[in-house]
């Protein structure tokens, strides 16, 4: 190799190392600015809606801190409660909510640790919000999307409809300084695209939260983010639920329509009629 090529390669490697070093340093500053806490809001598990003899719709919540409702002080401020109340209102039926979401969870955690805890619950609809921690822990987007496809497949095999809120636009988070914020924005958009493809191919419904909420969170930053400036505020969570709720309600409607169609189809033997012999033309 010529001296010129060696010099160019060394310069390129040096630039790459400098970039990673800068991003690593920015990430440490962002984590320090955001802070961490083990605090978890009160559980929102329970029943919502009218007290009627109609069987309650079983709804399962999986995912990370956004699914938990990190930063909220009361159960009714969290996404699981908002989804329960919203579905009960829209569908005019009781809803039972169970959340297994965990602060800090990555997609692999949903697959390996949350799904095994479902047990005998038998959810009819599962709502998942995950992906942010995959990015902060540098999980390759292809790997993360492949893991999410497995999550959706396993839930569908449990006879559950699946709605996935794709990773939000991390470029809206101001404590993440540039150039890390631009890098996070690019990766979150890439992961969201891969998540949408993976979820749809596996039979679920994907809700592009970054596309639907990114501008709102950017323009109304002070209203949409909580005190740590990283996780949503109550208003931020309410807007997140507002884009998940229609997909969850549509999933229920589709499920019930399929069930009604199956009930209308008579077994083949009930359609079997004796043939009448008629005289042919003379």
C-alpha atoms as a PDB file:
ATOM      1  CA  UNK A   1       0.000   0.000   0.000  1.00  0.00           C
ATOM      2  CA  UNK A   2       1.355   3.455  -0.893  1.00  0.00           C
ATOM      3  CA  UNK A   3       2.172   6.038   1.738  1.00  0.00           C
ATOM      4  CA  UNK A   4      -0.672   8.221   0.440  1.00  0.00           C
ATOM      5  CA  UNK A   5      -3.226   5.409   0.896  1.00  0.00           C
ATOM      6  CA  UNK A   6      -1.916   4.613   4.362  1.00  0.00           C
ATOM      7  CA  UNK A   7      -2.232   8.259   5.315  1.00  0.00           C
ATOM      8  CA  UNK A   8      -5.790   8.446   3.929  1.00  0.00           C
ATOM      9  CA  UNK A   9      -6.811   5.259   5.765  1.00  0.00           C
ATOM     10  CA  UNK A  10      -5.327   6.516   9.014  1.00  0.00           C
ATOM     11  CA  UNK A  11      -7.115   9.828   8.628  1.00  0.00           C
ATOM     12  CA  UNK A  12     -10.430   8.076   7.958  1.00  0.00           C
ATOM     13  CA  UNK A  13      -9.991   5.819  10.980  1.00  0.00           C
ATOM     14  CA  UNK A  14      -9.025   8.762  13.114  1.00  0.00           C
ATOM     15  CA  UNK A  15     -12.133  10.651  11.991  1.00  0.00           C
ATOM     16  CA  UNK A  16     -14.344   7.667  12.757  1.00  0.00           C
ATOM     17  CA  UNK A  17     -12.842   7.241  16.211  1.00  0.00           C
ATOM     18  CA  UNK A  18     -13.243  10.957  16.878  1.00  0.00           C
ATOM     19  CA  UNK A  19     -16.916  10.778  15.829  1.00  0.00           C
ATOM     20  CA  UNK A  20     -17.639   7.789  18.062  1.00  0.00           C
ATOM     21  CA  UNK A  21     -15.767   9.446  20.897  1.00  0.00           C
ATOM     22  CA  UNK A  22     -17.808  12.618  20.449  1.00  0.00           C
ATOM     23  CA  UNK A  23     -21.099  10.689  20.320  1.00  0.00           C
ATOM     24  CA  UNK A  24     -20.113   8.668  23.395  1.00  0.00           C
ATOM     25  CA  UNK A  25     -19.306  11.852  25.275  1.00  0.00           C
ATOM     26  CA  UNK A  26     -22.560  13.479  24.179  1.00  0.00           C
ATOM     27  CA  UNK A  27     -24.476  10.370  25.281  1.00  0.00           C
ATOM     28  CA  UNK A  28     -22.937  10.580  28.747  1.00  0.00           C
ATOM     29  CA  UNK A  29     -23.871  14.249  29.005  1.00  0.00           C
ATOM     30  CA  UNK A  30     -27.412  13.478  27.856  1.00  0.00           C
ATOM     31  CA  UNK A  31     -27.849  10.723  30.441  1.00  0.00           C
ATOM     32  CA  UNK A  32     -26.550  13.088  33.135  1.00  0.00           C
ATOM     33  CA  UNK A  33     -28.940  15.819  32.032  1.00  0.00           C
ATOM     34  CA  UNK A  34     -31.905  13.453  31.840  1.00  0.00           C
ATOM     35  CA  UNK A  35     -31.152  11.565  35.023  1.00  0.00           C
ATOM     36  CA  UNK A  36     -32.388   8.145  36.016  1.00  0.00           C
ATOM     37  CA  UNK A  37     -34.868   6.870  38.557  1.00  0.00           C
ATOM     38  CA  UNK A  38     -36.387   3.574  39.617  1.00  0.00           C
ATOM     39  CA  UNK A  39     -39.695   5.315  40.318  1.00  0.00           C
ATOM     40  CA  UNK A  40     -42.689   3.645  38.697  1.00  0.00           C
ATOM     41  CA  UNK A  41     -46.238   5.002  38.611  1.00  0.00           C
ATOM     42  CA  UNK A  42     -48.979   3.110  40.441  1.00  0.00           C
ATOM     43  CA  UNK A  43     -50.290   0.096  38.570  1.00  0.00           C
ATOM     44  CA  UNK A  44     -53.156   0.801  36.194  1.00  0.00           C
ATOM     45  CA  UNK A  45     -54.153  -2.862  36.012  1.00  0.00           C
ATOM     46  CA  UNK A  46     -57.862  -3.377  36.444  1.00  0.00           C
ATOM     47  CA  UNK A  47     -61.280  -2.887  34.894  1.00  0.00           C
ATOM     48  CA  UNK A  48     -62.537   0.178  33.038  1.00  0.00           C
ATOM     49  CA  UNK A  49     -65.879   1.203  31.617  1.00  0.00           C
ATOM     50  CA  UNK A  50     -69.479   0.268  32.315  1.00  0.00           C
ATOM     51  CA  UNK A  51     -70.413  -2.310  34.909  1.00  0.00           C
ATOM     52  CA  UNK A  52     -72.407  -4.599  32.643  1.00  0.00           C
ATOM     53  CA  UNK A  53     -72.726  -8.368  32.238  1.00  0.00           C
ATOM     54  CA  UNK A  54     -70.860  -8.121  28.912  1.00  0.00           C
ATOM     55  CA  UNK A  55     -67.518  -9.927  28.996  1.00  0.00           C
ATOM     56  CA  UNK A  56     -64.648  -7.516  29.444  1.00  0.00           C
ATOM     57  CA  UNK A  57     -62.206  -7.026  26.582  1.00  0.00           C
ATOM     58  CA  UNK A  58     -58.786  -8.226  27.730  1.00  0.00           C
ATOM     59  CA  UNK A  59     -56.034  -5.755  26.805  1.00  0.00           C
ATOM     60  CA  UNK A  60     -52.332  -6.377  27.396  1.00  0.00           C
ATOM     61  CA  UNK A  61     -49.667  -3.650  27.455  1.00  0.00           C
ATOM     62  CA  UNK A  62     -46.027  -4.512  26.691  1.00  0.00           C
ATOM     63  CA  UNK A  63     -42.926  -2.427  26.129  1.00  0.00           C
ATOM     64  CA  UNK A  64     -40.732   0.194  27.774  1.00  0.00           C
ATOM     65  CA  UNK A  65     -41.090   3.336  29.892  1.00  0.00           C
ATOM     66  CA  UNK A  66     -43.423   4.980  27.372  1.00  0.00           C
ATOM     67  CA  UNK A  67     -45.816   2.041  27.756  1.00  0.00           C
ATOM     68  CA  UNK A  68     -45.439   2.164  31.551  1.00  0.00           C
ATOM     69  CA  UNK A  69     -46.076   5.897  31.844  1.00  0.00           C
ATOM     70  CA  UNK A  70     -42.763   6.768  33.478  1.00  0.00           C
ATOM     71  CA  UNK A  71     -42.858  10.026  35.435  1.00  0.00           C
ATOM     72  CA  UNK A  72     -46.561   9.979  36.277  1.00  0.00           C
ATOM     73  CA  UNK A  73     -47.757  10.123  39.892  1.00  0.00           C
ATOM     74  CA  UNK A  74     -51.224   8.647  39.466  1.00  0.00           C
ATOM     75  CA  UNK A  75     -52.395   5.528  37.652  1.00  0.00           C
ATOM     76  CA  UNK A  76     -54.995   7.413  35.614  1.00  0.00           C
ATOM     77  CA  UNK A  77     -52.237   9.530  34.046  1.00  0.00           C
ATOM     78  CA  UNK A  78     -50.547   6.516  32.455  1.00  0.00           C
ATOM     79  CA  UNK A  79     -51.012   5.058  28.957  1.00  0.00           C
ATOM     80  CA  UNK A  80     -52.434   1.724  30.220  1.00  0.00           C
ATOM     81  CA  UNK A  81     -55.213   3.556  32.087  1.00  0.00           C
ATOM     82  CA  UNK A  82     -55.827   5.960  29.198  1.00  0.00           C
ATOM     83  CA  UNK A  83     -56.090   3.044  26.773  1.00  0.00           C
ATOM     84  CA  UNK A  84     -58.450   1.217  29.105  1.00  0.00           C
ATOM     85  CA  UNK A  85     -60.717   4.233  29.527  1.00  0.00           C
ATOM     86  CA  UNK A  86     -60.547   5.115  25.835  1.00  0.00           C
ATOM     87  CA  UNK A  87     -61.404   1.647  24.578  1.00  0.00           C
ATOM     88  CA  UNK A  88     -64.218   1.309  27.112  1.00  0.00           C
ATOM     89  CA  UNK A  89     -65.693   4.582  25.869  1.00  0.00           C
ATOM     90  CA  UNK A  90     -65.283   3.896  22.158  1.00  0.00           C
ATOM     91  CA  UNK A  91     -66.499   0.299  22.323  1.00  0.00           C
ATOM     92  CA  UNK A  92     -69.073   0.899  25.091  1.00  0.00           C
ATOM     93  CA  UNK A  93     -68.026  -2.224  26.914  1.00  0.00           C
ATOM     94  CA  UNK A  94     -65.909  -3.103  29.964  1.00  0.00           C
ATOM     95  CA  UNK A  95     -62.190  -3.428  29.433  1.00  0.00           C
ATOM     96  CA  UNK A  96     -59.658  -5.280  31.557  1.00  0.00           C
ATOM     97  CA  UNK A  97     -56.089  -3.952  31.345  1.00  0.00           C
ATOM     98  CA  UNK A  98     -52.943  -5.798  32.329  1.00  0.00           C
ATOM     99  CA  UNK A  99     -49.509  -4.228  31.885  1.00  0.00           C
ATOM    100  CA  UNK A 100     -46.213  -6.112  31.820  1.00  0.00           C
ATOM    101  CA  UNK A 101     -44.218  -3.186  30.416  1.00  0.00           C
ATOM    102  CA  UNK A 102     -40.946  -2.353  32.178  1.00  0.00           C
ATOM    103  CA  UNK A 103     -38.912   0.853  32.316  1.00  0.00           C
ATOM    104  CA  UNK A 104     -35.724   0.441  30.282  1.00  0.00           C
ATOM    105  CA  UNK A 105     -36.948  -2.574  28.293  1.00  0.00           C
ATOM    106  CA  UNK A 106     -35.549  -3.336  24.856  1.00  0.00           C
ATOM    107  CA  UNK A 107     -37.343  -5.402  22.224  1.00  0.00           C
ATOM    108  CA  UNK A 108     -35.450  -8.539  23.260  1.00  0.00           C
ATOM    109  CA  UNK A 109     -36.720  -8.002  26.813  1.00  0.00           C
ATOM    110  CA  UNK A 110     -40.304  -7.989  25.573  1.00  0.00           C
ATOM    111  CA  UNK A 111     -39.644 -11.234  23.740  1.00  0.00           C
ATOM    112  CA  UNK A 112     -37.716 -13.054  26.441  1.00  0.00           C
ATOM    113  CA  UNK A 113     -39.064 -11.615  29.703  1.00  0.00           C
ATOM    114  CA  UNK A 114     -42.484 -10.024  29.221  1.00  0.00           C
ATOM    115  CA  UNK A 115     -44.266 -12.495  26.957  1.00  0.00           C
ATOM    116  CA  UNK A 116     -43.448 -15.467  29.251  1.00  0.00           C
ATOM    117  CA  UNK A 117     -45.282 -13.623  32.054  1.00  0.00           C
ATOM    118  CA  UNK A 118     -48.592 -13.538  30.182  1.00  0.00           C
ATOM    119  CA  UNK A 119     -49.559 -16.905  31.618  1.00  0.00           C
ATOM    120  CA  UNK A 120     -53.289 -17.610  31.421  1.00  0.00           C
ATOM    121  CA  UNK A 121     -54.365 -14.022  30.774  1.00  0.00           C
ATOM    122  CA  UNK A 122     -55.262 -14.673  27.093  1.00  0.00           C
ATOM    123  CA  UNK A 123     -55.244 -11.089  25.763  1.00  0.00           C
ATOM    124  CA  UNK A 124     -57.585 -10.265  22.918  1.00  0.00           C
ATOM    125  CA  UNK A 125     -55.613  -7.132  22.032  1.00  0.00           C
ATOM    126  CA  UNK A 126     -51.980  -6.340  22.837  1.00  0.00           C
ATOM    127  CA  UNK A 127     -50.528  -2.838  22.558  1.00  0.00           C
ATOM    128  CA  UNK A 128     -46.736  -2.488  22.419  1.00  0.00           C
ATOM    129  CA  UNK A 129     -44.511   0.585  22.578  1.00  0.00           C
ATOM    130  CA  UNK A 130     -40.801  -0.216  22.296  1.00  0.00           C
ATOM    131  CA  UNK A 131     -37.621   0.753  20.484  1.00  0.00           C
ATOM    132  CA  UNK A 132     -36.107   3.754  22.263  1.00  0.00           C
ATOM    133  CA  UNK A 133     -33.826   1.632  24.425  1.00  0.00           C
ATOM    134  CA  UNK A 134     -32.767  -0.425  21.420  1.00  0.00           C
ATOM    135  CA  UNK A 135     -31.329   2.783  19.987  1.00  0.00           C
ATOM    136  CA  UNK A 136     -29.718   4.006  23.203  1.00  0.00           C
ATOM    137  CA  UNK A 137     -28.128   0.560  23.660  1.00  0.00           C
ATOM    138  CA  UNK A 138     -26.980   0.499  20.015  1.00  0.00           C
ATOM    139  CA  UNK A 139     -28.957  -2.580  18.986  1.00  0.00           C
ATOM    140  CA  UNK A 140     -28.764  -2.828  15.169  1.00  0.00           C
ATOM    141  CA  UNK A 141     -32.061  -1.801  13.631  1.00  0.00           C
ATOM    142  CA  UNK A 142     -32.298  -5.015  11.580  1.00  0.00           C
ATOM    143  CA  UNK A 143     -31.866  -7.103  14.729  1.00  0.00           C
ATOM    144  CA  UNK A 144     -34.409  -5.067  16.671  1.00  0.00           C
ATOM    145  CA  UNK A 145     -37.001  -5.317  13.893  1.00  0.00           C
ATOM    146  CA  UNK A 146     -36.450  -9.061  13.560  1.00  0.00           C
ATOM    147  CA  UNK A 147     -37.001  -9.487  17.294  1.00  0.00           C
ATOM    148  CA  UNK A 148     -40.194  -7.429  17.097  1.00  0.00           C
ATOM    149  CA  UNK A 149     -41.500  -9.669  14.324  1.00  0.00           C
ATOM    150  CA  UNK A 150     -41.027 -12.639  16.656  1.00  0.00           C
ATOM    151  CA  UNK A 151     -42.902 -10.801  19.404  1.00  0.00           C
ATOM    152  CA  UNK A 152     -45.861 -10.152  17.105  1.00  0.00           C
ATOM    153  CA  UNK A 153     -45.839 -13.712  15.791  1.00  0.00           C
ATOM    154  CA  UNK A 154     -45.913 -15.206  19.290  1.00  0.00           C
ATOM    155  CA  UNK A 155     -48.793 -12.965  20.338  1.00  0.00           C
ATOM    156  CA  UNK A 156     -50.819 -13.795  17.245  1.00  0.00           C
ATOM    157  CA  UNK A 157     -50.250 -17.465  17.990  1.00  0.00           C
ATOM    158  CA  UNK A 158     -51.862 -16.704  21.376  1.00  0.00           C
ATOM    159  CA  UNK A 159     -54.904 -15.438  19.407  1.00  0.00           C
ATOM    160  CA  UNK A 160     -54.272 -11.781  20.227  1.00  0.00           C
ATOM    161  CA  UNK A 161     -54.585  -8.815  17.905  1.00  0.00           C
ATOM    162  CA  UNK A 162     -51.375  -6.754  18.031  1.00  0.00           C
ATOM    163  CA  UNK A 163     -50.896  -2.988  17.766  1.00  0.00           C
ATOM    164  CA  UNK A 164     -47.354  -1.582  17.863  1.00  0.00           C
ATOM    165  CA  UNK A 165     -46.467   2.054  18.374  1.00  0.00           C
ATOM    166  CA  UNK A 166     -43.169   2.410  16.527  1.00  0.00           C
ATOM    167  CA  UNK A 167     -40.226   4.184  18.113  1.00  0.00           C
ATOM    168  CA  UNK A 168     -40.809   7.944  18.482  1.00  0.00           C
ATOM    169  CA  UNK A 169     -38.671  10.627  16.843  1.00  0.00           C
ATOM    170  CA  UNK A 170     -35.737  10.929  19.240  1.00  0.00           C
ATOM    171  CA  UNK A 171     -34.638  14.066  17.427  1.00  0.00           C
ATOM    172  CA  UNK A 172     -37.251  15.964  19.451  1.00  0.00           C
ATOM    173  CA  UNK A 173     -35.416  15.438  22.762  1.00  0.00           C
ATOM    174  CA  UNK A 174     -33.491  18.616  23.581  1.00  0.00           C
ATOM    175  CA  UNK A 175     -31.234  17.235  26.378  1.00  0.00           C
ATOM    176  CA  UNK A 176     -29.591  15.181  23.643  1.00  0.00           C
ATOM    177  CA  UNK A 177     -27.091  17.646  22.183  1.00  0.00           C
ATOM    178  CA  UNK A 178     -25.957  17.840  18.583  1.00  0.00           C
ATOM    179  CA  UNK A 179     -24.601  15.920  16.734  1.00  0.00           C
ATOM    180  CA  UNK A 180     -25.992  13.067  18.841  1.00  0.00           C
ATOM    181  CA  UNK A 181     -29.540  14.350  18.399  1.00  0.00           C
ATOM    182  CA  UNK A 182     -29.257  14.210  14.616  1.00  0.00           C
ATOM    183  CA  UNK A 183     -27.811  10.711  14.852  1.00  0.00           C
ATOM    184  CA  UNK A 184     -30.656   9.634  17.179  1.00  0.00           C
ATOM    185  CA  UNK A 185     -33.213  11.152  14.806  1.00  0.00           C
ATOM    186  CA  UNK A 186     -31.808   9.249  11.841  1.00  0.00           C
ATOM    187  CA  UNK A 187     -31.658   5.949  13.717  1.00  0.00           C
ATOM    188  CA  UNK A 188     -35.142   6.323  15.188  1.00  0.00           C
ATOM    189  CA  UNK A 189     -36.607   6.943  11.732  1.00  0.00           C
ATOM    190  CA  UNK A 190     -34.728   3.977  10.304  1.00  0.00           C
ATOM    191  CA  UNK A 191     -35.882   1.707  13.127  1.00  0.00           C
ATOM    192  CA  UNK A 192     -39.472   2.939  12.850  1.00  0.00           C
ATOM    193  CA  UNK A 193     -39.523   2.022   9.141  1.00  0.00           C
ATOM    194  CA  UNK A 194     -38.135  -1.423   9.833  1.00  0.00           C
ATOM    195  CA  UNK A 195     -40.568  -1.921  12.718  1.00  0.00           C
ATOM    196  CA  UNK A 196     -43.538  -1.018  10.499  1.00  0.00           C
ATOM    197  CA  UNK A 197     -42.502  -3.520   7.839  1.00  0.00           C
ATOM    198  CA  UNK A 198     -41.811  -6.267  10.385  1.00  0.00           C
ATOM    199  CA  UNK A 199     -45.066  -5.762  12.291  1.00  0.00           C
ATOM    200  CA  UNK A 200     -47.223  -5.656   9.160  1.00  0.00           C
ATOM    201  CA  UNK A 201     -45.551  -8.722   7.668  1.00  0.00           C
ATOM    202  CA  UNK A 202     -46.130 -10.638  10.908  1.00  0.00           C
ATOM    203  CA  UNK A 203     -49.837  -9.766  10.936  1.00  0.00           C
ATOM    204  CA  UNK A 204     -49.957  -6.827  13.342  1.00  0.00           C
ATOM    205  CA  UNK A 205     -50.881  -3.158  13.027  1.00  0.00           C
ATOM    206  CA  UNK A 206     -48.097  -0.546  13.127  1.00  0.00           C
ATOM    207  CA  UNK A 207     -48.713   3.036  14.269  1.00  0.00           C
ATOM    208  CA  UNK A 208     -45.937   5.436  13.085  1.00  0.00           C
ATOM    209  CA  UNK A 209     -45.699   7.557  16.210  1.00  0.00           C
ATOM    210  CA  UNK A 210     -42.690   9.540  15.021  1.00  0.00           C
ATOM    211  CA  UNK A 211     -44.490  10.641  11.849  1.00  0.00           C
ATOM    212  CA  UNK A 212     -47.739  11.391  13.645  1.00  0.00           C
ATOM    213  CA  UNK A 213     -46.381  13.116  16.750  1.00  0.00           C
ATOM    214  CA  UNK A 214     -42.874  14.347  15.913  1.00  0.00           C
ATOM    215  CA  UNK A 215     -43.861  17.860  14.852  1.00  0.00           C
ATOM    216  CA  UNK A 216     -46.218  18.289  17.810  1.00  0.00           C
ATOM    217  CA  UNK A 217     -43.565  17.241  20.327  1.00  0.00           C
ATOM    218  CA  UNK A 218     -41.011  19.490  18.646  1.00  0.00           C
ATOM    219  CA  UNK A 219     -43.246  22.566  18.476  1.00  0.00           C
ATOM    220  CA  UNK A 220     -44.801  22.182  21.931  1.00  0.00           C
ATOM    221  CA  UNK A 221     -41.786  20.776  23.688  1.00  0.00           C
ATOM    222  CA  UNK A 222     -42.521  22.338  27.087  1.00  0.00           C
ATOM    223  CA  UNK A 223     -46.035  20.886  27.120  1.00  0.00           C
ATOM    224  CA  UNK A 224     -45.301  17.458  25.687  1.00  0.00           C
ATOM    225  CA  UNK A 225     -42.291  16.490  27.846  1.00  0.00           C
ATOM    226  CA  UNK A 226     -42.145  15.863  31.589  1.00  0.00           C
ATOM    227  CA  UNK A 227     -39.818  17.269  34.217  1.00  0.00           C
ATOM    228  CA  UNK A 228     -36.873  15.128  33.085  1.00  0.00           C
ATOM    229  CA  UNK A 229     -37.280  16.604  29.545  1.00  0.00           C
ATOM    230  CA  UNK A 230     -36.889  13.108  28.090  1.00  0.00           C
ATOM    231  CA  UNK A 231     -40.082  11.209  28.915  1.00  0.00           C
ATOM    232  CA  UNK A 232     -43.522  12.545  27.955  1.00  0.00           C
ATOM    233  CA  UNK A 233     -45.701  14.610  30.232  1.00  0.00           C
ATOM    234  CA  UNK A 234     -49.305  13.658  30.931  1.00  0.00           C
ATOM    235  CA  UNK A 235     -50.276  15.634  27.823  1.00  0.00           C
ATOM    236  CA  UNK A 236     -47.552  13.850  25.864  1.00  0.00           C
ATOM    237  CA  UNK A 237     -48.808  10.437  26.930  1.00  0.00           C
ATOM    238  CA  UNK A 238     -52.396  11.468  26.119  1.00  0.00           C
ATOM    239  CA  UNK A 239     -51.360  12.393  22.581  1.00  0.00           C
ATOM    240  CA  UNK A 240     -49.470   9.104  22.247  1.00  0.00           C
ATOM    241  CA  UNK A 241     -52.579   7.187  23.290  1.00  0.00           C
ATOM    242  CA  UNK A 242     -54.700   9.258  20.891  1.00  0.00           C
ATOM    243  CA  UNK A 243     -52.871   7.739  17.906  1.00  0.00           C
ATOM    244  CA  UNK A 244     -52.782   4.210  19.362  1.00  0.00           C
ATOM    245  CA  UNK A 245     -56.453   4.092  20.331  1.00  0.00           C
ATOM    246  CA  UNK A 246     -57.971   4.092  16.802  1.00  0.00           C
ATOM    247  CA  UNK A 247     -55.708   1.218  15.751  1.00  0.00           C
ATOM    248  CA  UNK A 248     -56.602  -0.777  18.867  1.00  0.00           C
ATOM    249  CA  UNK A 249     -60.324  -0.141  18.355  1.00  0.00           C
ATOM    250  CA  UNK A 250     -60.043  -1.124  14.686  1.00  0.00           C
ATOM    251  CA  UNK A 251     -58.255  -4.313  15.686  1.00  0.00           C
ATOM    252  CA  UNK A 252     -61.125  -5.200  18.021  1.00  0.00           C
ATOM    253  CA  UNK A 253     -63.718  -4.402  15.354  1.00  0.00           C
ATOM    254  CA  UNK A 254     -61.870  -6.536  12.813  1.00  0.00           C
ATOM    255  CA  UNK A 255     -61.593  -9.384  15.263  1.00  0.00           C
ATOM    256  CA  UNK A 256     -65.300  -9.313  16.086  1.00  0.00           C
ATOM    257  CA  UNK A 257     -66.270  -9.033  12.415  1.00  0.00           C
ATOM    258  CA  UNK A 258     -64.267 -12.160  11.631  1.00  0.00           C
ATOM    259  CA  UNK A 259     -65.875 -13.945  14.558  1.00  0.00           C
ATOM    260  CA  UNK A 260     -69.366 -12.962  13.379  1.00  0.00           C
ATOM    261  CA  UNK A 261     -68.578 -14.105   9.861  1.00  0.00           C
ATOM    262  CA  UNK A 262     -67.461 -17.489  11.152  1.00  0.00           C
ATOM    263  CA  UNK A 263     -70.697 -17.805  13.136  1.00  0.00           C
ATOM    264  CA  UNK A 264     -72.768 -17.112  10.006  1.00  0.00           C
ATOM    265  CA  UNK A 265     -71.086 -19.839   7.995  1.00  0.00           C
ATOM    266  CA  UNK A 266     -73.048 -23.084   8.330  1.00  0.00           C
ATOM    267  CA  UNK A 267     -71.201 -26.353   8.486  1.00  0.00           C
ATOM    268  CA  UNK A 268     -71.040 -27.992   5.061  1.00  0.00           C
ATOM    269  CA  UNK A 269     -73.346 -30.820   6.059  1.00  0.00           C
ATOM    270  CA  UNK A 270     -76.159 -28.345   6.793  1.00  0.00           C
ATOM    271  CA  UNK A 271     -75.949 -27.059   3.243  1.00  0.00           C
ATOM    272  CA  UNK A 272     -76.162 -30.541   1.711  1.00  0.00           C
ATOM    273  CA  UNK A 273     -79.530 -30.934   0.023  1.00  0.00           C
ATOM    274  CA  UNK A 274     -80.855 -34.042  -1.789  1.00  0.00           C
ATOM    275  CA  UNK A 275     -80.797 -33.747  -5.542  1.00  0.00           C
ATOM    276  CA  UNK A 276     -84.185 -33.732  -7.258  1.00  0.00           C
ATOM    277  CA  UNK A 277     -84.345 -35.732 -10.428  1.00  0.00           C
ATOM    278  CA  UNK A 278     -86.218 -33.946 -13.153  1.00  0.00           C
ATOM    279  CA  UNK A 279     -87.281 -35.257 -16.469  1.00  0.00           C
ATOM    280  CA  UNK A 280     -85.125 -34.162 -19.308  1.00  0.00           C
ATOM    281  CA  UNK A 281     -86.426 -32.844 -22.608  1.00  0.00           C
ATOM    282  CA  UNK A 282     -88.453 -35.399 -24.529  1.00  0.00           C
END
